[in-house]
Amino acid sequence: MQTYQVFRLMKLAIMQPYFFPYIGYFQLLKAVDKFVIFDDVNFIKKGWINRNRILLDNKAHPFTLPVEKASQNKRINELLIADDGKWKNKLLKTIRAAYIKTPMFNMVFPIIENMIRHENPKLSEYLYYSILKLCEYLNINTQIIDSSAKYNTAHLKGQEKIIDICLKEKATHYFNLIGGVDLYNTNDFAKHNIQLFFLKSNNVIYDQCHSGFVSNLSIIDIMMFNSVENIQIMLEQFAVITHD
């Protein structure tokens, strides 16, 4: 009797934890089977790890998660939140002022408040908590691995680190956001029987209750103006491309 081995596809994505990231982050998260929080890499100042934007007075308004002794020489999972007891109240006050008249405010604001008031002082764990809660609200069921430190890849750099994690997770497909298209080499992944893909978000446009449209804001903005059912449709609005 002849037997056959069942070949199972496994799609993996690996990303740094971001503070209330834009919808492309969640499109990527939903598109894969496993999502690794990449927190044992260096912190990026003025990046999206602890910063984002909301809509305030019809303009993009930046907000920040304060980090104690923030340095690009430290890994994300080594940093602590600089909690002076004031920034959480200030940020919540700003979000309330920006969105109190939006259709979903009464449902969404308590969820956002729960995430912002989360008391874990460790930056990576605090961000992991908020990403997990956002996925619960958005009905994204992808398995999220909360710490990349478990893979013991400190001796590796860049693409080598990514490929090593892919191999340990037995990934057949690796997905990245389009912004990382120049960081990876398709042939290097192919040597390990891993197919490399990039996710490019479409122009996700929705009613922001004013005459113009401000794009690429935090997921908070989309949640305040749209039902979960509408956001589910938006989460599918992307293209998957390859790069030679």
Protein backbone atom coordinates (compact mmCIF):
# COMPACT_ATOMS: atom_id res chain seq x y z
CA MET A 1 0.00 0.00 0.00
CA GLN A 2 1.44 3.35 -1.07
CA THR A 3 1.40 6.20 1.44
CA TYR A 4 1.55 9.91 0.74
CA GLN A 5 2.93 12.68 2.90
CA VAL A 6 0.52 15.55 3.37
CA PHE A 7 2.23 18.86 2.57
CA ARG A 8 0.88 21.74 4.64
CA LEU A 9 1.40 25.37 3.77
CA MET A 10 2.35 27.63 6.66
CA LYS A 11 2.32 31.39 6.23
CA LEU A 12 4.43 33.41 8.65
CA ALA A 13 4.96 37.12 9.29
CA ILE A 14 7.44 38.76 11.67
CA MET A 15 7.07 42.40 12.73
CA GLN A 16 8.14 44.74 15.49
CA PRO A 17 5.33 45.64 17.90
CA TYR A 18 3.78 49.00 17.02
CA PHE A 19 1.60 51.38 19.04
CA PHE A 20 -1.95 51.25 17.60
CA PRO A 21 -0.58 50.60 14.07
CA TYR A 22 -2.28 51.42 10.76
CA ILE A 23 -4.56 48.96 8.99
CA GLY A 24 -1.78 47.45 6.85
CA TYR A 25 -0.29 45.90 10.00
CA PHE A 26 -3.57 44.11 10.71
CA GLN A 27 -4.02 43.09 7.08
CA LEU A 28 -0.66 41.36 7.33
CA LEU A 29 -1.59 39.81 10.66
CA LYS A 30 -4.81 38.37 9.29
CA ALA A 31 -3.19 37.10 6.08
CA VAL A 32 -0.88 34.63 7.84
CA ASP A 33 -1.12 31.57 10.08
CA LYS A 34 1.43 32.76 12.64
CA PHE A 35 2.65 36.23 13.54
CA VAL A 36 5.85 36.75 15.53
CA ILE A 37 6.28 39.90 17.61
CA PHE A 38 9.85 40.89 16.69
CA ASP A 39 10.99 42.45 19.95
CA ASP A 40 14.61 41.35 20.33
CA VAL A 41 15.83 43.81 17.70
CA ASN A 42 16.98 47.38 18.23
CA PHE A 43 14.48 50.09 19.04
CA ILE A 44 13.96 52.66 16.27
CA LYS A 45 13.70 56.26 17.39
CA LYS A 46 11.05 58.32 15.58
CA GLY A 47 9.63 55.10 14.14
CA TRP A 48 6.19 53.55 14.67
CA ILE A 49 7.06 51.40 17.70
CA ASN A 50 5.92 54.08 20.14
CA ARG A 51 4.33 56.69 17.86
CA ASN A 52 1.29 57.07 15.62
CA ARG A 53 -1.32 59.57 14.39
CA ILE A 54 -5.02 60.19 14.87
CA LEU A 55 -7.43 62.63 13.23
CA LEU A 56 -7.84 65.86 15.17
CA ASP A 57 -9.47 68.98 13.70
CA ASN A 58 -9.44 67.25 10.30
CA LYS A 59 -5.63 66.89 10.38
CA ALA A 60 -3.18 64.14 11.25
CA HIS A 61 -2.21 64.61 14.89
CA PRO A 62 0.81 62.68 16.30
CA PHE A 63 0.75 60.91 19.65
CA THR A 64 3.55 59.17 21.52
CA LEU A 65 4.07 56.41 24.05
CA PRO A 66 6.90 57.76 26.25
CA VAL A 67 9.86 55.40 26.59
CA GLU A 68 12.38 55.60 29.41
CA LYS A 69 15.96 56.17 28.19
CA ALA A 70 14.95 55.37 24.62
CA SER A 71 17.98 54.36 22.60
CA GLN A 72 18.62 52.69 19.27
CA ASN A 73 21.38 50.77 21.03
CA LYS A 74 18.80 48.91 23.11
CA ARG A 75 16.45 46.16 22.06
CA ILE A 76 12.72 46.71 22.20
CA ASN A 77 12.30 44.09 24.92
CA GLU A 78 14.88 45.85 27.10
CA LEU A 79 12.98 49.14 27.31
CA LEU A 80 10.48 50.40 29.85
CA ILE A 81 7.61 52.86 29.52
CA ALA A 82 8.35 56.21 31.14
CA ASP A 83 5.17 56.44 33.17
CA ASP A 84 4.92 59.76 34.95
CA GLY A 85 1.26 59.15 35.71
CA LYS A 86 0.12 61.88 33.33
CA TRP A 87 0.60 60.75 29.74
CA LYS A 88 -2.21 58.19 29.79
CA ASN A 89 -4.80 60.71 30.94
CA LYS A 90 -3.52 63.28 28.46
CA LEU A 91 -3.66 60.84 25.53
CA LEU A 92 -7.15 59.63 26.45
CA LYS A 93 -8.35 63.23 26.73
CA THR A 94 -7.00 63.92 23.23
CA ILE A 95 -8.62 60.81 21.76
CA ARG A 96 -11.93 61.68 23.42
CA ALA A 97 -11.84 65.22 22.02
CA ALA A 98 -10.96 63.93 18.54
CA TYR A 99 -13.60 61.21 18.27
CA ILE A 100 -16.45 61.85 20.71
CA LYS A 101 -18.86 62.62 17.85
CA THR A 102 -17.93 59.58 15.74
CA PRO A 103 -20.42 56.72 15.12
CA MET A 104 -18.50 54.07 17.11
CA PHE A 105 -17.12 56.18 19.95
CA ASN A 106 -19.24 54.70 22.75
CA MET A 107 -18.25 51.17 21.82
CA VAL A 108 -14.59 51.77 20.94
CA PHE A 109 -13.39 54.29 23.50
CA PRO A 110 -13.66 51.93 26.53
CA ILE A 111 -11.62 49.34 24.62
CA ILE A 112 -8.94 51.89 23.75
CA GLU A 113 -8.93 53.13 27.34
CA ASN A 114 -8.37 49.61 28.65
CA MET A 115 -5.32 49.21 26.41
CA ILE A 116 -3.82 52.59 27.24
CA ARG A 117 -4.31 52.10 30.98
CA HIS A 118 -2.69 48.67 30.91
CA GLU A 119 -0.09 48.73 33.70
CA ASN A 120 2.72 46.53 32.39
CA PRO A 121 5.86 48.76 32.41
CA LYS A 122 7.73 46.65 29.82
CA LEU A 123 7.41 48.24 26.39
CA SER A 124 7.23 45.02 24.34
CA GLU A 125 4.73 43.36 26.67
CA TYR A 126 2.58 46.49 26.85
CA LEU A 127 2.45 46.66 23.04
CA TYR A 128 1.79 42.93 22.75
CA TYR A 129 -1.22 43.31 25.06
CA SER A 130 -2.71 46.07 22.93
CA ILE A 131 -2.14 44.16 19.67
CA LEU A 132 -3.82 41.09 21.17
CA LYS A 133 -6.82 43.11 22.36
CA LEU A 134 -7.15 44.85 18.99
CA CYS A 135 -7.16 41.47 17.25
CA GLU A 136 -9.89 40.25 19.60
CA TYR A 137 -12.04 43.25 18.70
CA LEU A 138 -11.36 42.87 14.97
CA ASN A 139 -12.01 39.11 15.02
CA ILE A 140 -8.50 38.24 13.83
CA ASN A 141 -7.68 34.71 14.99
CA THR A 142 -4.06 34.41 13.84
CA GLN A 143 -1.72 32.81 16.37
CA ILE A 144 0.50 35.55 17.81
CA ILE A 145 3.85 34.58 19.32
CA ASP A 146 4.56 37.22 21.90
CA SER A 147 8.34 37.13 22.10
CA SER A 148 10.92 36.55 19.38
CA ALA A 149 13.62 36.06 22.04
CA LYS A 150 12.60 32.40 22.30
CA TYR A 151 14.25 31.71 18.93
CA ASN A 152 17.78 32.52 20.17
CA THR A 153 18.78 34.50 17.08
CA ALA A 154 20.89 37.19 18.79
CA HIS A 155 23.98 36.04 16.87
CA LEU A 156 22.24 36.63 13.53
CA LYS A 157 21.43 39.85 11.68
CA GLY A 158 18.74 41.12 9.32
CA GLN A 159 17.53 38.59 6.76
CA GLU A 160 19.46 35.72 8.38
CA LYS A 161 17.46 36.20 11.57
CA ILE A 162 14.17 36.14 9.65
CA ILE A 163 15.06 32.99 7.70
CA ASP A 164 16.15 31.25 10.89
CA ILE A 165 12.79 31.94 12.55
CA CYS A 166 10.99 30.76 9.40
CA LEU A 167 12.88 27.48 9.52
CA LYS A 168 12.17 26.97 13.22
CA GLU A 169 8.46 27.57 12.61
CA LYS A 170 8.52 25.37 9.47
CA ALA A 171 7.15 28.24 7.38
CA THR A 172 6.61 27.65 3.67
CA HIS A 173 5.63 31.26 2.95
CA TYR A 174 7.02 34.43 4.49
CA PHE A 175 4.97 37.63 4.25
CA ASN A 176 6.22 41.16 4.87
CA LEU A 177 4.75 44.61 4.39
CA ILE A 178 5.71 46.32 1.13
CA GLY A 179 7.95 48.78 2.97
CA GLY A 180 10.47 45.99 3.50
CA VAL A 181 10.73 45.00 -0.15
CA ASP A 182 14.40 46.04 -0.43
CA LEU A 183 15.45 44.25 2.76
CA TYR A 184 15.06 40.69 1.53
CA ASN A 185 16.30 38.54 -1.33
CA THR A 186 13.88 36.09 -2.93
CA ASN A 187 16.63 33.64 -3.90
CA ASP A 188 17.99 33.46 -0.36
CA PHE A 189 14.56 32.41 0.90
CA ALA A 190 14.10 29.98 -2.01
CA LYS A 191 17.29 28.13 -1.00
CA HIS A 192 15.39 27.10 2.11
CA ASN A 193 12.15 26.29 0.24
CA ILE A 194 10.45 29.42 1.54
CA GLN A 195 8.44 31.63 -0.79
CA LEU A 196 8.72 35.37 -0.17
CA PHE A 197 5.73 37.68 -0.58
CA PHE A 198 4.97 41.33 0.14
CA LEU A 199 1.63 42.75 1.15
CA LYS A 200 0.67 46.10 -0.34
CA SER A 201 -2.36 47.76 1.22
CA ASN A 202 -4.88 49.30 -1.15
CA ASN A 203 -6.15 52.83 -0.65
CA VAL A 204 -8.57 52.14 2.20
CA ILE A 205 -10.99 55.07 2.19
CA TYR A 206 -13.96 55.61 4.50
CA ASP A 207 -16.16 58.47 5.71
CA GLN A 208 -14.31 60.61 8.26
CA CYS A 209 -17.23 63.04 8.54
CA HIS A 210 -15.45 65.88 6.78
CA SER A 211 -14.87 66.92 3.18
CA GLY A 212 -11.37 65.49 2.73
CA PHE A 213 -9.70 62.21 3.68
CA VAL A 214 -6.55 61.72 5.76
CA SER A 215 -4.93 58.36 5.09
CA ASN A 216 -2.56 56.04 6.96
CA LEU A 217 -3.72 56.94 10.44
CA SER A 218 -3.75 54.66 13.47
CA ILE A 219 -6.25 51.80 13.56
CA ILE A 220 -8.00 53.91 16.20
CA ASP A 221 -9.35 56.17 13.44
CA ILE A 222 -10.80 53.29 11.44
CA MET A 223 -12.37 51.77 14.56
CA MET A 224 -14.04 55.05 15.52
CA PHE A 225 -15.69 55.53 12.12
CA ASN A 226 -16.48 51.93 11.10
CA SER A 227 -18.24 48.84 12.39
CA VAL A 228 -16.28 45.63 12.83
CA GLU A 229 -18.13 44.23 9.82
CA ASN A 230 -16.90 47.08 7.61
CA ILE A 231 -13.37 46.78 8.97
CA GLN A 232 -13.40 43.07 8.10
CA ILE A 233 -13.94 44.07 4.47
CA MET A 234 -11.09 46.61 4.67
CA LEU A 235 -8.77 43.95 6.05
CA GLU A 236 -9.06 42.15 2.71
CA GLN A 237 -8.20 45.21 0.62
CA PHE A 238 -4.59 44.48 -0.29
CA ALA A 239 -2.45 42.97 -2.99
CA VAL A 240 0.20 40.29 -2.56
CA ILE A 241 3.25 40.73 -4.75
CA THR A 242 6.63 39.09 -5.27
CA HIS A 243 9.99 40.74 -5.76
CA ASP A 244 13.00 39.46 -7.69
